[in-house]
N, C-alpha and C. Protein backbone atom coordinates (compact mmCIF):
# COMPACT_ATOMS: atom_id res chain seq x y z
N MET A 1 -17.37 0.09 16.41
CA MET A 1 -16.65 -0.87 15.90
C MET A 1 -14.92 -0.91 15.86
N LYS A 2 -14.90 -2.02 17.55
CA LYS A 2 -14.15 -2.51 17.84
C LYS A 2 -13.32 -3.07 16.92
N GLU A 3 -14.00 -4.18 16.91
CA GLU A 3 -13.81 -5.68 15.60
C GLU A 3 -12.65 -4.59 14.66
N LEU A 4 -14.24 -4.15 13.90
CA LEU A 4 -13.15 -3.79 12.78
C LEU A 4 -11.84 -2.77 13.06
N ASN A 5 -11.76 -1.66 14.60
CA ASN A 5 -10.12 -1.69 14.53
C ASN A 5 -9.19 -2.04 14.17
N THR A 6 -9.78 -3.51 14.67
CA THR A 6 -8.47 -5.07 15.49
C THR A 6 -8.28 -4.90 12.95
N ILE A 7 -9.62 -4.90 12.93
CA ILE A 7 -8.62 -6.07 11.40
C ILE A 7 -7.91 -4.85 11.19
N GLN A 8 -8.59 -3.16 11.10
CA GLN A 8 -7.52 -2.84 10.04
C GLN A 8 -6.44 -2.49 10.65
N THR A 9 -5.89 -2.56 12.21
CA THR A 9 -4.60 -2.87 13.21
C THR A 9 -3.99 -3.85 12.24
N LEU A 10 -4.24 -5.07 12.21
CA LEU A 10 -3.81 -6.21 12.18
C LEU A 10 -2.68 -5.70 10.14
N SER A 11 -4.22 -5.20 9.58
CA SER A 11 -3.79 -5.26 8.29
C SER A 11 -2.99 -3.73 7.61
N LYS A 12 -3.04 -3.03 9.10
CA LYS A 12 -1.72 -2.55 8.69
C LYS A 12 -0.09 -3.07 9.14
N ILE A 13 -0.35 -3.90 10.15
CA ILE A 13 0.63 -4.64 10.78
C ILE A 13 1.52 -5.73 9.35
N GLY A 14 0.44 -6.33 9.34
CA GLY A 14 0.49 -7.27 7.90
C GLY A 14 1.61 -6.22 6.88
N LYS A 15 0.89 -4.98 6.93
CA LYS A 15 0.97 -4.88 5.61
C LYS A 15 2.82 -3.88 5.83
N ILE A 16 3.06 -3.93 6.85
CA ILE A 16 4.26 -3.48 7.10
C ILE A 16 5.61 -4.56 7.32
N LEU A 17 4.76 -6.22 7.84
CA LEU A 17 5.59 -7.38 7.65
C LEU A 17 5.76 -7.57 6.21
N SER A 18 5.21 -6.92 5.59
CA SER A 18 4.90 -7.93 4.15
C SER A 18 6.41 -7.18 3.51
N LYS A 19 6.42 -6.14 4.23
CA LYS A 19 7.70 -5.58 3.12
C LYS A 19 8.89 -5.68 3.52
N ILE A 20 8.67 -5.62 5.39
CA ILE A 20 9.47 -6.38 5.37
C ILE A 20 10.27 -7.44 4.68
N VAL A 21 9.06 -8.25 4.47
CA VAL A 21 9.54 -10.02 4.17
C VAL A 21 9.79 -9.75 2.37
N PHE A 22 9.76 -8.77 1.89
CA PHE A 22 9.90 -8.57 0.28
C PHE A 22 11.59 -7.91 0.63
N VAL A 23 11.79 -6.89 1.80
CA VAL A 23 12.68 -6.39 1.37
C VAL A 23 14.23 -7.13 1.86
N CYS A 24 13.49 -7.89 2.81
CA CYS A 24 14.58 -9.05 3.23
C CYS A 24 14.72 -10.30 2.43
N CYS A 25 13.96 -11.02 1.25
CA CYS A 25 14.17 -11.35 0.48
C CYS A 25 15.01 -10.34 -1.29
N VAL A 26 15.04 -9.76 -1.35
CA VAL A 26 15.88 -8.56 -2.36
C VAL A 26 16.64 -9.16 -1.99
N VAL A 27 17.27 -9.30 -0.50
CA VAL A 27 18.98 -8.90 -0.34
C VAL A 27 19.20 -10.65 -0.18
N GLY A 28 18.47 -11.50 -0.15
CA GLY A 28 18.41 -12.66 0.45
C GLY A 28 19.13 -13.29 -0.88
N PHE A 29 18.58 -12.52 -2.20
CA PHE A 29 18.22 -12.68 -3.43
C PHE A 29 19.82 -12.29 -4.66
N CYS A 30 20.05 -11.73 -3.77
CA CYS A 30 21.31 -10.71 -3.72
C CYS A 30 22.27 -11.76 -3.15
N LEU A 31 21.91 -11.83 -2.23
CA LEU A 31 23.14 -12.75 -1.46
C LEU A 31 23.47 -14.04 -2.17
N CYS A 32 22.73 -14.54 -2.11
CA CYS A 32 22.21 -15.48 -3.13
C CYS A 32 23.08 -15.43 -4.54
N ALA A 33 22.78 -14.11 -5.47
CA ALA A 33 23.73 -14.55 -6.60
C ALA A 33 24.83 -13.81 -6.31
N VAL A 34 25.05 -13.19 -5.36
CA VAL A 34 27.26 -13.29 -4.92
C VAL A 34 27.19 -14.52 -4.71
N GLY A 35 26.75 -14.80 -4.22
CA GLY A 35 27.16 -16.20 -3.78
C GLY A 35 27.80 -16.88 -4.73
N ALA A 36 26.35 -17.53 -5.67
CA ALA A 36 26.34 -18.38 -6.64
C ALA A 36 26.91 -17.64 -8.22
N VAL A 37 27.93 -16.81 -8.24
CA VAL A 37 28.78 -15.96 -9.01
C VAL A 37 30.49 -17.09 -8.22
N GLY A 38 30.32 -16.48 -7.18
CA GLY A 38 31.54 -16.77 -6.16
C GLY A 38 32.13 -18.48 -6.48
N ALA A 39 31.01 -18.77 -6.28
CA ALA A 39 30.72 -20.12 -6.53
C ALA A 39 31.22 -20.84 -7.93
N ALA A 40 30.92 -20.14 -9.24
CA ALA A 40 30.94 -20.50 -10.60
C ALA A 40 32.25 -19.83 -10.76
N VAL A 41 32.81 -18.39 -10.50
CA VAL A 41 33.87 -18.33 -11.01
C VAL A 41 35.06 -18.44 -9.93
N GLY A 42 35.21 -18.51 -9.37
CA GLY A 42 35.60 -19.30 -7.82
C GLY A 42 35.69 -17.93 -6.66
N PHE A 43 35.74 -18.83 -5.82
CA PHE A 43 35.90 -17.00 -4.80
C PHE A 43 37.46 -16.38 -4.47
N ASP A 44 38.31 -16.55 -4.59
CA ASP A 44 39.08 -15.79 -5.16
C ASP A 44 39.15 -14.76 -6.37
N ALA A 45 38.35 -15.04 -6.91
CA ALA A 45 38.28 -14.11 -8.35
C ALA A 45 36.95 -12.06 -7.76
N ILE A 46 37.28 -13.31 -6.27
CA ILE A 46 35.95 -11.82 -6.24
C ILE A 46 36.48 -10.91 -4.59
N LYS A 47 36.49 -9.90 -5.27
CA LYS A 47 37.18 -9.66 -4.03
C LYS A 47 36.03 -7.92 -3.96
N LEU A 48 36.10 -7.44 -2.65
CA LEU A 48 35.48 -6.46 -2.07
C LEU A 48 37.01 -5.62 -0.83
N GLY A 49 38.07 -4.93 -1.48
CA GLY A 49 38.47 -3.96 -0.95
C GLY A 49 39.62 -4.93 -0.90
N ASN A 50 40.17 -5.24 0.33
CA ASN A 50 41.10 -7.15 0.59
C ASN A 50 39.66 -8.34 1.30
N VAL A 51 39.16 -7.69 1.00
CA VAL A 51 37.96 -9.67 1.90
C VAL A 51 38.14 -10.16 -0.21
N THR A 52 38.69 -11.07 0.55
CA THR A 52 37.10 -12.13 -0.16
C THR A 52 35.95 -12.97 0.34
N ILE A 53 35.68 -13.56 -1.00
CA ILE A 53 34.59 -14.34 -0.48
C ILE A 53 34.53 -15.51 -0.50
N GLN A 54 36.30 -15.96 -0.33
CA GLN A 54 36.42 -16.97 0.64
C GLN A 54 36.73 -16.65 1.53
N GLY A 55 37.24 -15.60 1.64
CA GLY A 55 37.58 -15.39 3.30
C GLY A 55 35.74 -15.19 4.33
N LEU A 56 35.11 -14.89 4.12
CA LEU A 56 34.01 -15.20 4.49
C LEU A 56 32.93 -16.93 4.64
N VAL A 57 33.56 -17.38 4.03
CA VAL A 57 32.33 -18.70 3.88
C VAL A 57 33.69 -19.87 4.66
N GLN A 58 32.89 -20.63 5.50
CA GLN A 58 34.22 -20.59 7.25
C GLN A 58 34.58 -22.14 5.42
N SER A 59 35.13 -22.82 6.63
CA SER A 59 37.18 -23.16 6.57
C SER A 59 36.41 -24.67 5.99
N ASP A 60 35.63 -24.96 7.38
CA ASP A 60 35.18 -25.90 7.50
C ASP A 60 34.17 -27.36 7.10
N VAL A 61 33.53 -25.58 5.86
CA VAL A 61 32.35 -26.51 6.12
C VAL A 61 31.62 -27.86 4.98
N ALA A 62 31.04 -28.10 4.93
CA ALA A 62 31.46 -29.82 3.76
C ALA A 62 31.21 -29.49 2.95
N LEU A 63 30.57 -28.20 1.92
CA LEU A 63 30.12 -27.76 0.61
C LEU A 63 31.37 -28.16 -0.25
N SER A 64 31.22 -28.75 -1.01
CA SER A 64 31.98 -28.94 -2.77
C SER A 64 31.92 -27.23 -2.64
N LYS A 65 32.19 -26.90 -3.78
CA LYS A 65 31.92 -25.63 -4.72
C LYS A 65 31.30 -26.06 -5.26
N ALA A 66 31.10 -27.16 -5.82
CA ALA A 66 29.38 -27.17 -7.32
C ALA A 66 28.14 -27.04 -5.90
N ALA A 67 28.90 -27.97 -5.05
CA ALA A 67 26.92 -27.98 -4.06
C ALA A 67 27.15 -27.08 -3.83
N LEU A 68 27.52 -25.92 -3.57
CA LEU A 68 27.27 -24.15 -2.86
C LEU A 68 26.50 -23.48 -4.11
N LEU A 69 27.29 -23.91 -5.17
CA LEU A 69 27.11 -23.19 -6.52
C LEU A 69 25.00 -23.51 -6.43
N ALA A 70 24.35 -25.31 -6.31
CA ALA A 70 23.35 -25.09 -6.43
C ALA A 70 23.00 -24.81 -5.33
N VAL A 71 23.13 -24.96 -3.87
CA VAL A 71 22.52 -24.56 -3.08
C VAL A 71 22.15 -22.62 -3.03
N THR A 72 23.26 -22.03 -3.68
CA THR A 72 23.13 -20.99 -3.49
C THR A 72 21.51 -20.02 -4.60
N VAL A 73 22.11 -21.12 -5.93
CA VAL A 73 20.95 -20.99 -6.45
C VAL A 73 19.54 -21.73 -6.43
N ALA A 74 19.49 -22.31 -5.88
CA ALA A 74 18.37 -22.77 -5.16
C ALA A 74 17.91 -21.12 -4.14
N GLY A 75 18.53 -21.35 -3.12
CA GLY A 75 18.44 -19.53 -2.36
C GLY A 75 18.21 -18.75 -3.43
N ALA A 76 18.37 -18.56 -4.16
CA ALA A 76 18.01 -17.13 -5.01
C ALA A 76 16.80 -17.68 -5.62
N ILE A 77 16.28 -18.62 -5.93
CA ILE A 77 15.13 -18.52 -7.47
C ILE A 77 13.71 -18.69 -5.56
N ILE A 78 14.26 -19.30 -4.73
CA ILE A 78 13.01 -19.11 -3.67
C ILE A 78 13.14 -17.72 -2.99
N CYS A 79 13.69 -17.06 -2.67
CA CYS A 79 13.92 -15.25 -2.67
C CYS A 79 13.43 -14.82 -3.69
N ALA A 80 13.61 -15.31 -4.50
CA ALA A 80 12.56 -14.40 -5.99
C ALA A 80 11.44 -14.80 -5.50
N ALA A 81 11.42 -15.82 -5.50
CA ALA A 81 9.86 -16.32 -5.16
C ALA A 81 8.83 -16.14 -4.41
N GLU A 82 9.35 -15.85 -4.24
CA GLU A 82 8.70 -14.74 -2.00
C GLU A 82 8.92 -14.32 -2.44
N ALA A 83 9.71 -12.78 -2.52
CA ALA A 83 9.59 -11.34 -3.09
C ALA A 83 8.03 -11.26 -3.75
N VAL A 84 8.58 -12.18 -4.79
CA VAL A 84 7.12 -11.72 -5.53
C VAL A 84 5.81 -11.91 -4.52
N LEU A 85 5.95 -12.56 -3.52
CA LEU A 85 4.66 -13.52 -2.62
C LEU A 85 4.36 -12.07 -2.13
N ALA A 86 5.47 -11.67 -1.58
CA ALA A 86 5.31 -10.80 -1.14
C ALA A 86 4.70 -9.22 -1.49
N LYS A 87 5.30 -9.26 -2.59
CA LYS A 87 3.95 -7.69 -2.84
C LYS A 87 3.21 -7.97 -3.24
N PHE A 88 2.57 -9.02 -3.18
CA PHE A 88 1.09 -9.31 -3.40
C PHE A 88 0.21 -9.21 -2.17
N ALA A 89 1.32 -9.28 -1.30
CA ALA A 89 0.78 -9.48 -0.10
C ALA A 89 0.17 -7.78 0.37
N VAL A 90 1.55 -7.89 -0.23
CA VAL A 90 1.70 -5.60 0.66
C VAL A 90 0.17 -5.35 -0.80
N HIS A 91 -0.08 -5.13 -1.73
CA HIS A 91 -0.72 -4.85 -2.61
C HIS A 91 -2.40 -5.64 -1.55
N TYR A 92 -2.49 -6.95 -1.52
CA TYR A 92 -3.86 -7.00 -0.90
C TYR A 92 -4.47 -5.93 0.76
N PHE A 93 -3.24 -5.34 1.47
CA PHE A 93 -3.34 -4.58 3.10
C PHE A 93 -2.93 -4.19 2.04
N ASP A 94 -3.53 -3.05 0.87
CA ASP A 94 -2.82 -1.29 0.18
C ASP A 94 -4.94 -2.02 -0.16
N ARG A 95 -5.36 -2.69 -0.51
CA ARG A 95 -6.39 -3.11 -1.19
C ARG A 95 -7.65 -2.40 0.13
N GLU A 96 -6.92 -3.37 0.86
CA GLU A 96 -8.08 -3.76 2.65
C GLU A 96 -8.25 -2.64 2.52
N LEU A 97 -6.64 -1.83 3.44
CA LEU A 97 -7.02 -1.09 3.98
C LEU A 97 -7.59 0.36 3.61
N ASN A 98 -7.63 0.68 2.25
CA ASN A 98 -8.26 1.39 1.24
C ASN A 98 -9.62 1.55 1.34
N ASP A 99 -10.66 0.04 1.04
CA ASP A 99 -11.36 0.42 1.35
C ASP A 99 -12.75 -0.13 3.07
N GLY A 100 -11.02 0.23 3.91
CA GLY A 100 -11.15 0.81 5.29
C GLY A 100 -12.32 -1.63 6.06
N THR A 101 -12.22 -1.94 4.98
CA THR A 101 -12.85 -3.33 5.55
C THR A 101 -12.91 -4.52 4.21
N PRO A 102 -12.78 -5.61 5.13
CA PRO A 102 -12.40 -6.63 4.33
C PRO A 102 -13.29 -7.83 2.96
N PHE A 103 -14.37 -7.40 4.63
CA PHE A 103 -15.96 -6.86 3.46
C PHE A 103 -16.30 -6.39 2.54
N THR A 104 -15.02 -6.41 1.04
CA THR A 104 -15.99 -6.66 -0.47
C THR A 104 -14.82 -7.05 -1.37
N ARG A 105 -16.57 -7.22 -1.85
CA ARG A 105 -16.12 -8.56 -3.43
C ARG A 105 -14.78 -8.01 -3.75
N GLY A 106 -14.18 -6.60 -3.86
CA GLY A 106 -12.51 -6.88 -4.30
C GLY A 106 -12.24 -7.17 -3.39
N GLY A 107 -11.89 -7.00 -2.48
CA GLY A 107 -11.07 -7.23 -1.62
C GLY A 107 -11.32 -9.14 -1.29
N ALA A 108 -12.59 -9.26 -1.29
CA ALA A 108 -12.14 -11.11 -1.70
C ALA A 108 -11.56 -12.04 -2.48
N LYS A 109 -11.83 -11.04 -4.08
CA LYS A 109 -11.65 -11.68 -4.80
C LYS A 109 -9.47 -11.19 -4.73
N GLU A 110 -9.75 -10.05 -3.64
CA GLU A 110 -7.19 -9.84 -4.30
C GLU A 110 -7.11 -10.82 -2.94
N LEU A 111 -7.87 -11.69 -2.05
CA LEU A 111 -7.29 -12.33 -1.11
C LEU A 111 -7.50 -13.23 -1.97
N GLN A 112 -8.84 -14.31 -2.37
CA GLN A 112 -8.77 -15.24 -3.03
C GLN A 112 -7.03 -15.33 -3.92
N ARG A 113 -6.80 -14.35 -3.85
CA ARG A 113 -5.63 -14.40 -5.38
C ARG A 113 -3.71 -14.36 -5.10
N LEU A 114 -4.38 -13.81 -4.14
CA LEU A 114 -2.86 -13.86 -2.70
C LEU A 114 -3.33 -16.05 -2.22
N GLY A 115 -4.34 -16.50 -1.59
CA GLY A 115 -3.66 -17.85 -2.14
C GLY A 115 -4.08 -18.17 -2.37
N ILE A 116 -4.62 -18.43 -3.92
CA ILE A 116 -3.72 -19.16 -4.93
C ILE A 116 -2.21 -19.04 -4.60
N LEU A 117 -2.02 -17.43 -5.40
CA LEU A 117 -0.06 -17.96 -5.25
C LEU A 117 0.05 -18.51 -4.20
N THR A 118 -0.12 -18.14 -3.20
CA THR A 118 0.28 -19.26 -2.63
C THR A 118 0.68 -20.43 -2.47
N ILE A 119 -0.33 -21.05 -2.55
CA ILE A 119 0.50 -22.34 -3.18
C ILE A 119 0.94 -22.34 -4.39
N CYS A 120 0.83 -21.90 -5.51
CA CYS A 120 0.69 -21.50 -7.05
C CYS A 120 2.79 -21.35 -6.30
N ILE A 121 2.60 -20.20 -6.03
CA ILE A 121 4.39 -19.63 -6.45
C ILE A 121 5.78 -19.87 -5.82
N PRO A 122 5.37 -20.89 -4.09
CA PRO A 122 6.80 -21.73 -3.80
C PRO A 122 6.46 -23.08 -4.71
N LEU A 123 5.36 -23.29 -4.92
CA LEU A 123 4.94 -24.69 -5.54
C LEU A 123 6.07 -24.79 -6.97
N GLY A 124 6.08 -23.98 -7.17
CA GLY A 124 6.18 -23.48 -8.10
C GLY A 124 8.32 -22.65 -8.28
N ALA A 125 8.73 -22.67 -7.85
CA ALA A 125 10.29 -21.86 -7.44
C ALA A 125 10.65 -23.78 -6.66
N GLN A 126 10.05 -24.11 -5.87
CA GLN A 126 10.28 -25.29 -5.15
C GLN A 126 11.02 -26.01 -6.39
N ILE A 127 9.93 -26.89 -8.37
CA ILE A 127 10.30 -27.35 -8.64
C ILE A 127 10.95 -26.82 -9.58
N LEU A 128 11.56 -25.15 -9.75
CA LEU A 128 12.80 -25.13 -10.76
C LEU A 128 13.72 -25.10 -10.46
N ALA A 129 13.50 -24.80 -8.58
CA ALA A 129 15.04 -25.26 -8.19
C ALA A 129 15.29 -26.43 -8.11
N GLN A 130 14.34 -26.71 -7.70
CA GLN A 130 14.74 -29.00 -7.98
C GLN A 130 15.10 -29.24 -9.08
N ILE A 131 14.38 -28.72 -10.35
CA ILE A 131 14.74 -28.87 -11.79
C ILE A 131 16.37 -27.80 -11.97
N VAL A 132 16.72 -27.12 -11.86
CA VAL A 132 18.05 -26.09 -11.48
C VAL A 132 18.57 -26.78 -11.07
N CYS A 133 18.87 -27.60 -9.84
CA CYS A 133 19.81 -28.18 -9.13
C CYS A 133 19.92 -29.53 -9.79
N GLY A 134 19.27 -30.24 -10.31
CA GLY A 134 19.21 -31.20 -11.13
C GLY A 134 20.36 -31.72 -12.13
N VAL A 135 19.67 -29.77 -13.31
CA VAL A 135 20.74 -30.23 -14.18
C VAL A 135 22.05 -30.06 -13.38
N LEU A 136 22.77 -29.13 -12.04
CA LEU A 136 23.77 -27.83 -11.68
C LEU A 136 23.96 -30.16 -11.62
N ALA A 137 23.94 -30.61 -11.05
CA ALA A 137 24.36 -32.34 -10.21
C ALA A 137 24.42 -32.90 -11.60
N GLU A 138 23.82 -32.99 -13.39
CA GLU A 138 24.47 -34.24 -13.70
C GLU A 138 25.53 -33.48 -14.63
N ALA A 139 26.49 -31.92 -15.09
CA ALA A 139 26.78 -31.19 -15.21
C ALA A 139 27.87 -30.63 -14.74
N LEU A 140 27.97 -30.93 -13.20
CA LEU A 140 29.28 -30.43 -12.02
C LEU A 140 29.42 -31.70 -11.12
N PRO A 141 30.12 -32.32 -10.91
CA PRO A 141 30.39 -33.45 -10.69
C PRO A 141 30.42 -33.44 -8.80
N ASN A 142 30.08 -33.14 -7.30
CA ASN A 142 29.44 -33.22 -6.44
C ASN A 142 28.70 -32.20 -6.03
N ALA A 143 28.02 -31.83 -7.23
CA ALA A 143 26.63 -31.00 -6.90
C ALA A 143 25.31 -31.64 -6.21
N ALA A 144 25.20 -32.06 -4.85
CA ALA A 144 24.49 -32.58 -4.67
C ALA A 144 22.87 -31.31 -5.49
N ALA A 145 21.48 -31.28 -5.27
CA ALA A 145 21.02 -31.49 -5.40
C ALA A 145 20.06 -30.95 -3.27
N PRO A 146 19.85 -29.24 -3.80
CA PRO A 146 19.26 -29.79 -1.61
C PRO A 146 17.80 -29.85 -1.89
N ASP A 147 17.51 -30.14 0.06
CA ASP A 147 16.20 -30.63 -0.06
C ASP A 147 15.24 -29.47 0.14
N LEU A 148 14.33 -29.48 -0.45
CA LEU A 148 13.18 -28.26 -0.39
C LEU A 148 12.39 -28.98 -0.69
N GLU A 149 11.43 -28.06 1.19
CA GLU A 149 10.15 -28.98 1.32
C GLU A 149 8.96 -27.27 1.76
N TYR A 150 8.41 -27.03 0.74
CA TYR A 150 7.07 -26.17 0.49
C TYR A 150 5.70 -26.02 1.85
N ALA A 151 5.51 -27.11 1.95
CA ALA A 151 4.06 -28.02 2.20
C ALA A 151 3.52 -26.87 2.96
N GLY A 152 4.74 -25.83 3.53
CA GLY A 152 3.38 -25.19 4.95
C GLY A 152 2.98 -24.03 4.09
N SER A 153 3.23 -23.44 3.34
CA SER A 153 2.55 -22.76 1.92
C SER A 153 1.14 -23.34 1.55
N VAL A 154 0.77 -24.60 1.49
CA VAL A 154 -0.33 -24.83 0.68
C VAL A 154 -1.43 -24.76 1.62
N GLY A 155 -0.73 -25.35 2.81
CA GLY A 155 -1.80 -24.63 3.95
C GLY A 155 -1.75 -23.24 4.25
N LEU A 156 -1.51 -22.89 4.58
CA LEU A 156 -1.54 -21.36 4.13
C LEU A 156 -2.17 -21.06 3.05
N GLY A 157 -2.12 -21.50 2.12
CA GLY A 157 -3.14 -20.51 0.85
C GLY A 157 -4.64 -20.88 0.96
N ILE A 158 -4.13 -22.47 1.05
CA ILE A 158 -6.28 -22.61 1.40
C ILE A 158 -6.28 -22.07 2.94
N MET A 159 -6.16 -22.06 3.71
CA MET A 159 -6.94 -20.59 4.59
C MET A 159 -7.10 -19.06 4.01
N MET A 160 -5.82 -18.84 3.16
CA MET A 160 -6.13 -18.13 2.18
C MET A 160 -7.58 -17.88 1.64
N LEU A 161 -7.80 -18.95 1.12
CA LEU A 161 -8.86 -19.31 -0.12
C LEU A 161 -10.28 -19.25 0.48
N VAL A 162 -10.17 -20.43 2.65
CA VAL A 162 -11.34 -20.07 3.03
C VAL A 162 -11.71 -18.11 3.25
N MET A 163 -11.23 -17.90 3.73
CA MET A 163 -10.95 -16.71 3.93
C MET A 163 -11.91 -16.01 3.31
N ALA A 164 -11.30 -16.24 1.66
CA ALA A 164 -11.44 -14.99 1.22
C ALA A 164 -13.09 -14.92 0.57
N GLN A 165 -13.44 -16.64 1.11
CA GLN A 165 -15.53 -17.02 0.83
C GLN A 165 -15.65 -16.28 1.91
N VAL A 166 -15.48 -16.23 3.52
CA VAL A 166 -16.23 -15.37 4.76
C VAL A 166 -16.27 -14.09 4.48
N CYS A 167 -15.05 -13.66 3.50
CA CYS A 167 -14.68 -11.91 3.14
C CYS A 167 -16.43 -11.94 1.89
N LYS A 168 -16.06 -12.35 0.99
CA LYS A 168 -17.45 -12.66 -0.17
C LYS A 168 -18.44 -13.02 0.81
N TYR A 169 -18.41 -13.53 1.69
CA TYR A 169 -20.01 -14.06 2.22
C TYR A 169 -20.27 -12.74 2.76
N GLY A 170 -18.78 -12.33 3.67
CA GLY A 170 -19.64 -10.96 4.08
C GLY A 170 -19.48 -9.41 3.26
N ALA A 171 -19.20 -9.21 2.10
CA ALA A 171 -19.95 -8.63 1.84
C ALA A 171 -21.18 -8.63 1.00
N ALA A 172 -21.63 -9.26 0.54
CA ALA A 172 -23.06 -9.57 0.52
C ALA A 172 -23.82 -10.16 1.41
N LEU A 173 -24.31 -9.82 2.47
CA LEU A 173 -24.43 -9.76 3.17
C LEU A 173 -24.84 -7.82 3.83
N ALA A 174 -23.12 -6.73 3.75
CA ALA A 174 -23.34 -5.83 3.29
C ALA A 174 -23.72 -5.11 2.68
N GLU A 175 -24.88 -5.50 1.30
CA GLU A 175 -25.01 -5.28 0.16
C GLU A 175 -26.31 -5.91 0.56
N ASP A 176 -26.56 -6.67 0.88
CA ASP A 176 -27.97 -7.19 1.42
C ASP A 176 -28.74 -5.77 2.23
N HIS A 177 -27.89 -5.35 3.18
CA HIS A 177 -28.48 -5.09 4.62
C HIS A 177 -28.24 -3.46 3.82
N ALA A 178 -28.12 -3.34 3.37
CA ALA A 178 -27.28 -1.78 2.41
C ALA A 178 -28.87 -2.21 1.62
N GLN A 179 -29.19 -2.25 0.87
CA GLN A 179 -30.66 -2.53 -0.35
C GLN A 179 -31.14 -3.00 0.77
N ALA A 180 -31.28 -3.68 1.97
CA ALA A 180 -32.53 -3.84 2.22
C ALA A 180 -33.45 -2.51 2.95
N PRO A 181 -34.88 -2.49 2.83
CA PRO A 181 -35.45 -1.36 3.10
C PRO A 181 -35.99 -0.74 5.10
N ASN A 182 -35.52 0.14 5.50
CA ASN A 182 -35.89 0.73 6.94
C ASN A 182 -36.92 0.18 7.35
N HIS A 183 -36.92 -0.52 7.92
CA HIS A 183 -38.43 -0.40 8.36
C HIS A 183 -38.58 0.28 10.35
N GLY A 184 -38.07 1.36 10.32
CA GLY A 184 -38.41 1.64 11.78
C GLY A 184 -38.98 2.89 11.91
């Protein structure tokens, strides 16, 4: 079954990429958190050896400290959400690899959950980031809310929901085939 081997190879790749995305999102969250703290308390206050955060930020950037705070807080929220989503993707790929096929009812249910989360988590993160940035814009002068757009996750989530139904159908066919009497 060459096709099943290809699916398993793609699942291994998906698992590795999901782990990489998870790590990158955690690192991104941490960097955004440091940037937000730096913007909130002042860049001069945070020193790593002889280097300050202000020294790392380009001086010609036209962002106020309040705007930088809004951007880094929004970035932290988005990175945290994407890290959670990547962890759920790793869980799905683990399940698929352990089952040895995507055509199981449990795997289809897991893919359906991942599809729903792929729609809801980024959308929820975007709403939360916009609310937090809106509050910051009201509380601090020059803290404009960043433009966030996550429409791509909706399409990906819908594709996962459709694929979950295909996998569920494949699982039903496999069960029917296993239960059918052999006439040979």
